[in-house]
Each structure stands twice: as C-alpha cells, then as structure tokens.
C-alpha cells in the first residue's frame, strides 16, 4: 500500500511539472540552441580528424580547440533564464510564492 501511495504522489508531482512545461516555447528554444551548439561541436571534431588532418594537422588541432570551447557555452545557454519565465522562482509553497509575486509587482510600478 505504501508503494502505491508513493507512486500516486509521484504521478501527481510529475503531472504538475508537465503542466507547467506544456506549451513553454522558451524551454524548447533553449533545447534547440543547446543541441545545435553540440551538433556544431561534434561536426568540428569529426571533420577535423576525418578530413582536415589529411591536409593540415595544425588546422585540425585548431578546430578541436574551438570544439572544446563550445560545450561550456552550450550549458550556459541551456540553463539561462528567459525574462518571462516564472518556474525558476516558484517553490511550491503558496504563501512564499504569493509574497514573492507581491514583491515583483512592486518593482514593476
């Protein structure tokens, strides 16, 4: 019985999280940016050692150095908060969330 109750509670939490993400274009946009940057990174590595090294090893090494720098920036882009996103701020405590919304509204006036 306890396992079933825990599973139902988990489903309730995950469905609430899914509702908060549903239709959120900024999350999808961040994911697309991240995957595009990582695709460029992988493409640089593959081209550097599959094609470019046959003509110029220093150019292949330079391509790998550029590819090495991309993943940290991709992680920053993927975790950056967009101006209209509120899910970062919501704690789940209604009193706390109400208090923070009230403070945010005072700052906009």
N, C-alpha and C. Protein backbone atom coordinates (compact mmCIF):
# COMPACT_ATOMS: atom_id res chain seq x y z
N UNK A 1 0.81 -1.19 0.00
CA UNK A 1 0.00 0.00 0.00
C UNK A 1 0.86 1.26 0.00
N UNK A 2 1.93 1.25 0.78
CA UNK A 2 2.76 2.44 0.86
C UNK A 2 3.42 2.72 -0.49
N UNK A 3 3.82 1.67 -1.19
CA UNK A 3 4.44 1.86 -2.50
C UNK A 3 3.47 2.45 -3.50
N UNK A 4 2.19 2.01 -3.44
CA UNK A 4 1.17 2.55 -4.35
C UNK A 4 0.88 4.01 -4.07
N UNK A 5 0.87 4.38 -2.78
CA UNK A 5 0.63 5.78 -2.42
C UNK A 5 1.78 6.65 -2.89
N UNK A 6 3.00 6.12 -2.74
CA UNK A 6 4.17 6.89 -3.19
C UNK A 6 4.14 7.07 -4.70
N UNK A 7 3.73 6.03 -5.42
CA UNK A 7 3.65 6.11 -6.88
C UNK A 7 2.60 7.13 -7.31
N UNK A 8 1.44 7.13 -6.63
CA UNK A 8 0.40 8.12 -6.96
C UNK A 8 0.89 9.54 -6.68
N UNK A 9 1.60 9.73 -5.57
CA UNK A 9 2.14 11.05 -5.24
C UNK A 9 3.15 11.49 -6.29
N UNK A 10 3.99 10.55 -6.74
CA UNK A 10 4.98 10.86 -7.77
C UNK A 10 4.30 11.25 -9.08
N UNK A 11 3.23 10.53 -9.44
CA UNK A 11 2.50 10.87 -10.66
C UNK A 11 1.87 12.25 -10.55
N UNK A 12 1.36 12.60 -9.36
CA UNK A 12 0.75 13.92 -9.16
C UNK A 12 1.80 15.01 -9.35
N UNK A 13 2.97 14.82 -8.76
CA UNK A 13 4.03 15.81 -8.88
C UNK A 13 4.50 15.92 -10.32
N UNK A 14 4.70 14.76 -11.00
CA UNK A 14 5.20 14.82 -12.37
C UNK A 14 4.15 15.40 -13.32
N UNK A 15 2.86 15.15 -13.07
CA UNK A 15 1.85 15.76 -13.94
C UNK A 15 1.77 17.26 -13.72
N UNK A 16 1.99 17.71 -12.48
CA UNK A 16 2.01 19.15 -12.22
C UNK A 16 3.20 19.79 -12.92
N UNK A 17 4.34 19.12 -12.89
CA UNK A 17 5.52 19.64 -13.59
C UNK A 17 5.29 19.66 -15.08
N UNK A 18 4.63 18.64 -15.62
CA UNK A 18 4.35 18.60 -17.06
C UNK A 18 3.42 19.73 -17.46
N UNK A 19 2.45 20.03 -16.61
CA UNK A 19 1.54 21.14 -16.92
C UNK A 19 2.28 22.47 -16.96
N UNK A 20 3.27 22.64 -16.06
CA UNK A 20 3.99 23.90 -16.04
C UNK A 20 4.90 24.05 -17.26
N UNK A 21 5.34 22.93 -17.85
CA UNK A 21 6.20 22.99 -19.02
C UNK A 21 5.42 22.96 -20.33
N UNK A 22 4.19 22.50 -20.31
CA UNK A 22 3.43 22.31 -21.53
C UNK A 22 3.26 23.65 -22.25
N UNK A 23 3.64 23.69 -23.50
CA UNK A 23 3.47 24.88 -24.30
C UNK A 23 4.50 25.95 -24.03
N UNK A 24 5.52 25.65 -23.26
CA UNK A 24 6.54 26.64 -22.93
C UNK A 24 7.57 26.67 -24.05
N UNK A 25 7.44 27.65 -24.93
CA UNK A 25 8.31 27.71 -26.10
C UNK A 25 9.75 28.06 -25.74
N UNK A 26 9.95 28.79 -24.64
CA UNK A 26 11.32 29.16 -24.31
C UNK A 26 12.15 27.93 -23.92
N UNK A 27 11.53 26.95 -23.28
CA UNK A 27 12.26 25.72 -22.94
C UNK A 27 12.65 24.99 -24.21
N UNK A 28 11.72 24.88 -25.14
CA UNK A 28 12.02 24.22 -26.40
C UNK A 28 13.09 24.99 -27.17
N UNK A 29 13.04 26.30 -27.13
CA UNK A 29 14.03 27.12 -27.83
C UNK A 29 15.41 26.90 -27.22
N UNK A 30 15.50 26.84 -25.88
CA UNK A 30 16.79 26.59 -25.23
C UNK A 30 17.33 25.22 -25.59
N UNK A 31 16.44 24.23 -25.65
CA UNK A 31 16.88 22.89 -26.03
C UNK A 31 17.41 22.88 -27.46
N UNK A 32 16.72 23.56 -28.36
CA UNK A 32 17.19 23.60 -29.76
C UNK A 32 18.55 24.27 -29.86
N UNK A 33 18.74 25.37 -29.13
CA UNK A 33 20.03 26.06 -29.16
C UNK A 33 21.14 25.15 -28.64
N UNK A 34 20.86 24.47 -27.54
CA UNK A 34 21.86 23.57 -26.96
C UNK A 34 22.24 22.46 -27.95
N UNK A 35 21.24 21.81 -28.52
CA UNK A 35 21.53 20.72 -29.46
C UNK A 35 22.22 21.23 -30.71
N UNK A 36 21.89 22.42 -31.16
CA UNK A 36 22.57 22.98 -32.33
C UNK A 36 24.04 23.24 -32.02
N UNK A 37 24.32 23.80 -30.85
CA UNK A 37 25.72 24.05 -30.48
C UNK A 37 26.49 22.75 -30.32
N UNK A 38 25.87 21.73 -29.75
CA UNK A 38 26.56 20.46 -29.58
C UNK A 38 26.75 19.75 -30.93
N UNK A 39 25.81 19.94 -31.84
CA UNK A 39 25.98 19.37 -33.18
C UNK A 39 27.16 20.02 -33.89
N UNK A 40 27.31 21.33 -33.74
CA UNK A 40 28.46 22.02 -34.33
C UNK A 40 29.75 21.49 -33.71
N UNK A 41 29.74 21.27 -32.41
CA UNK A 41 30.92 20.75 -31.72
C UNK A 41 31.31 19.37 -32.28
N UNK A 42 30.36 18.48 -32.36
CA UNK A 42 30.65 17.14 -32.88
C UNK A 42 31.09 17.18 -34.34
N UNK A 43 30.46 18.04 -35.12
CA UNK A 43 30.82 18.18 -36.53
C UNK A 43 32.26 18.65 -36.67
N UNK A 44 32.66 19.62 -35.84
CA UNK A 44 34.04 20.10 -35.88
C UNK A 44 35.02 18.98 -35.56
N UNK A 45 34.73 18.18 -34.53
CA UNK A 45 35.63 17.07 -34.19
C UNK A 45 35.73 16.06 -35.32
N UNK A 46 34.60 15.67 -35.85
CA UNK A 46 34.60 14.65 -36.91
C UNK A 46 35.31 15.16 -38.16
N UNK A 47 35.02 16.38 -38.55
CA UNK A 47 35.68 16.94 -39.74
C UNK A 47 37.17 17.15 -39.51
N UNK A 48 37.53 17.57 -38.30
CA UNK A 48 38.94 17.83 -38.00
C UNK A 48 39.79 16.58 -38.19
N UNK A 49 39.34 15.46 -37.61
CA UNK A 49 40.18 14.26 -37.66
C UNK A 49 39.80 13.31 -38.78
N UNK A 50 38.69 13.54 -39.43
CA UNK A 50 38.33 12.69 -40.56
C UNK A 50 38.75 13.25 -41.89
N UNK A 51 38.81 14.58 -42.02
CA UNK A 51 39.06 15.20 -43.32
C UNK A 51 40.23 16.17 -43.25
N UNK A 52 40.15 17.15 -42.37
CA UNK A 52 41.11 18.27 -42.37
C UNK A 52 42.52 17.81 -42.02
N UNK A 53 42.67 16.81 -41.16
CA UNK A 53 44.02 16.37 -40.77
C UNK A 53 44.82 15.84 -41.95
N UNK A 54 44.14 15.43 -43.01
CA UNK A 54 44.86 14.93 -44.18
C UNK A 54 45.62 16.05 -44.88
N UNK A 55 45.14 17.28 -44.75
CA UNK A 55 45.80 18.42 -45.39
C UNK A 55 46.60 19.26 -44.41
N UNK A 56 46.06 19.42 -43.17
CA UNK A 56 46.75 20.29 -42.23
C UNK A 56 46.43 19.87 -40.79
N UNK A 57 47.42 19.31 -40.12
CA UNK A 57 47.24 18.90 -38.73
C UNK A 57 47.04 20.12 -37.82
N UNK A 58 47.78 21.23 -38.00
CA UNK A 58 47.52 22.40 -37.14
C UNK A 58 46.09 22.93 -37.28
N UNK A 59 45.55 22.88 -38.49
CA UNK A 59 44.16 23.33 -38.67
C UNK A 59 43.19 22.39 -37.95
N UNK A 60 43.48 21.10 -37.98
CA UNK A 60 42.64 20.13 -37.28
C UNK A 60 42.70 20.34 -35.78
N UNK A 61 43.89 20.62 -35.27
CA UNK A 61 44.04 20.91 -33.83
C UNK A 61 43.28 22.18 -33.48
N UNK A 62 43.36 23.20 -34.31
CA UNK A 62 42.63 24.45 -34.06
C UNK A 62 41.13 24.20 -34.05
N UNK A 63 40.65 23.37 -34.96
CA UNK A 63 39.22 23.04 -34.98
C UNK A 63 38.82 22.33 -33.69
N UNK A 64 39.66 21.46 -33.18
CA UNK A 64 39.36 20.75 -31.94
C UNK A 64 39.37 21.70 -30.73
N UNK A 65 40.26 22.67 -30.76
CA UNK A 65 40.29 23.66 -29.67
C UNK A 65 38.98 24.46 -29.67
N UNK A 66 38.52 24.86 -30.85
CA UNK A 66 37.25 25.58 -30.94
C UNK A 66 36.11 24.68 -30.47
N UNK A 67 36.13 23.42 -30.88
CA UNK A 67 35.08 22.47 -30.47
C UNK A 67 35.11 22.23 -28.97
N UNK A 68 36.29 22.30 -28.37
CA UNK A 68 36.43 22.10 -26.94
C UNK A 68 35.80 23.24 -26.13
N UNK A 69 35.77 24.42 -26.71
CA UNK A 69 35.23 25.59 -26.02
C UNK A 69 33.71 25.65 -26.09
N UNK A 70 33.11 25.01 -27.05
CA UNK A 70 31.65 25.10 -27.26
C UNK A 70 30.81 24.49 -26.13
N UNK A 71 31.10 23.29 -25.58
CA UNK A 71 30.21 22.69 -24.58
C UNK A 71 29.93 23.54 -23.34
N UNK A 72 30.91 24.24 -22.75
CA UNK A 72 30.54 25.08 -21.60
C UNK A 72 29.56 26.19 -21.97
N UNK A 73 29.74 26.78 -23.14
CA UNK A 73 28.80 27.82 -23.57
C UNK A 73 27.43 27.23 -23.88
N UNK A 74 27.40 26.01 -24.40
CA UNK A 74 26.11 25.35 -24.65
C UNK A 74 25.37 25.11 -23.34
N UNK A 75 26.10 24.72 -22.30
CA UNK A 75 25.46 24.51 -20.99
C UNK A 75 24.93 25.83 -20.43
N UNK A 76 25.67 26.90 -20.61
CA UNK A 76 25.21 28.21 -20.13
C UNK A 76 23.96 28.62 -20.87
N UNK A 77 23.94 28.44 -22.17
CA UNK A 77 22.76 28.78 -22.98
C UNK A 77 21.56 27.93 -22.56
N UNK A 78 21.79 26.65 -22.31
CA UNK A 78 20.68 25.75 -21.95
C UNK A 78 20.09 26.08 -20.58
N UNK A 79 20.87 26.66 -19.69
CA UNK A 79 20.39 26.94 -18.34
C UNK A 79 20.06 28.40 -18.10
N UNK A 80 20.16 29.22 -19.13
CA UNK A 80 19.86 30.64 -18.95
C UNK A 80 18.36 30.85 -18.82
N UNK A 81 18.00 31.72 -17.91
CA UNK A 81 16.59 32.02 -17.67
C UNK A 81 16.13 33.11 -18.61
N UNK A 82 15.00 32.88 -19.26
CA UNK A 82 14.41 33.90 -20.12
C UNK A 82 13.65 34.90 -19.24
N UNK A 83 13.47 36.14 -19.70
CA UNK A 83 12.83 37.16 -18.86
C UNK A 83 11.42 36.81 -18.38
N UNK A 84 10.63 36.11 -19.17
CA UNK A 84 9.26 35.84 -18.79
C UNK A 84 9.05 34.53 -18.04
N UNK A 85 10.11 33.81 -17.75
CA UNK A 85 9.95 32.51 -17.10
C UNK A 85 9.78 32.66 -15.60
N UNK A 86 8.77 31.99 -15.06
CA UNK A 86 8.49 32.06 -13.64
C UNK A 86 8.77 30.75 -12.92
N UNK A 87 8.92 29.65 -13.63
CA UNK A 87 9.04 28.36 -12.96
C UNK A 87 10.31 28.28 -12.13
N UNK A 88 11.30 29.09 -12.43
CA UNK A 88 12.52 29.11 -11.64
C UNK A 88 12.23 29.61 -10.22
N UNK A 89 11.27 30.52 -10.12
CA UNK A 89 11.00 31.21 -8.86
C UNK A 89 9.99 30.49 -7.97
N UNK A 90 9.21 29.59 -8.52
CA UNK A 90 8.13 29.01 -7.75
C UNK A 90 8.65 27.86 -6.88
N UNK A 91 8.38 27.96 -5.59
CA UNK A 91 8.89 26.97 -4.64
C UNK A 91 7.88 25.88 -4.33
N UNK A 92 6.62 26.11 -4.61
CA UNK A 92 5.58 25.15 -4.26
C UNK A 92 4.84 25.56 -3.00
N UNK A 93 5.40 26.48 -2.25
CA UNK A 93 4.75 27.00 -1.05
C UNK A 93 3.89 28.19 -1.46
N UNK A 94 2.56 28.08 -1.38
CA UNK A 94 1.68 29.16 -1.87
C UNK A 94 1.94 30.50 -1.18
N UNK A 95 2.20 30.45 0.11
CA UNK A 95 2.43 31.70 0.86
C UNK A 95 3.71 32.39 0.38
N UNK A 96 4.77 31.61 0.23
CA UNK A 96 6.03 32.16 -0.24
C UNK A 96 5.92 32.69 -1.66
N UNK A 97 5.26 31.92 -2.54
CA UNK A 97 5.10 32.36 -3.93
C UNK A 97 4.27 33.63 -4.01
N UNK A 98 3.22 33.73 -3.20
CA UNK A 98 2.39 34.94 -3.18
C UNK A 98 3.23 36.14 -2.73
N UNK A 99 4.05 35.94 -1.71
CA UNK A 99 4.88 37.01 -1.19
C UNK A 99 5.87 37.49 -2.24
N UNK A 100 6.52 36.55 -2.96
CA UNK A 100 7.48 36.94 -4.00
C UNK A 100 6.80 37.63 -5.17
N UNK A 101 5.60 37.16 -5.55
CA UNK A 101 4.87 37.84 -6.64
C UNK A 101 4.52 39.26 -6.24
N UNK A 102 4.15 39.43 -4.98
CA UNK A 102 3.82 40.77 -4.48
C UNK A 102 5.05 41.69 -4.56
N UNK A 103 6.20 41.18 -4.19
CA UNK A 103 7.43 41.97 -4.28
C UNK A 103 7.77 42.30 -5.74
N UNK A 104 7.60 41.33 -6.63
CA UNK A 104 7.86 41.57 -8.06
C UNK A 104 6.94 42.65 -8.62
N UNK A 105 5.69 42.64 -8.21
CA UNK A 105 4.74 43.63 -8.70
C UNK A 105 5.10 45.03 -8.23
N UNK A 106 5.64 45.15 -7.01
CA UNK A 106 6.04 46.47 -6.50
C UNK A 106 7.22 47.01 -7.30
N UNK A 107 8.10 46.13 -7.77
CA UNK A 107 9.26 46.56 -8.54
C UNK A 107 8.91 47.02 -9.94
N UNK A 108 7.77 46.63 -10.47
CA UNK A 108 7.39 46.98 -11.85
C UNK A 108 6.68 48.31 -11.92
N UNK A 109 6.24 48.81 -10.80
CA UNK A 109 5.49 50.08 -10.82
C UNK A 109 6.39 51.27 -10.94
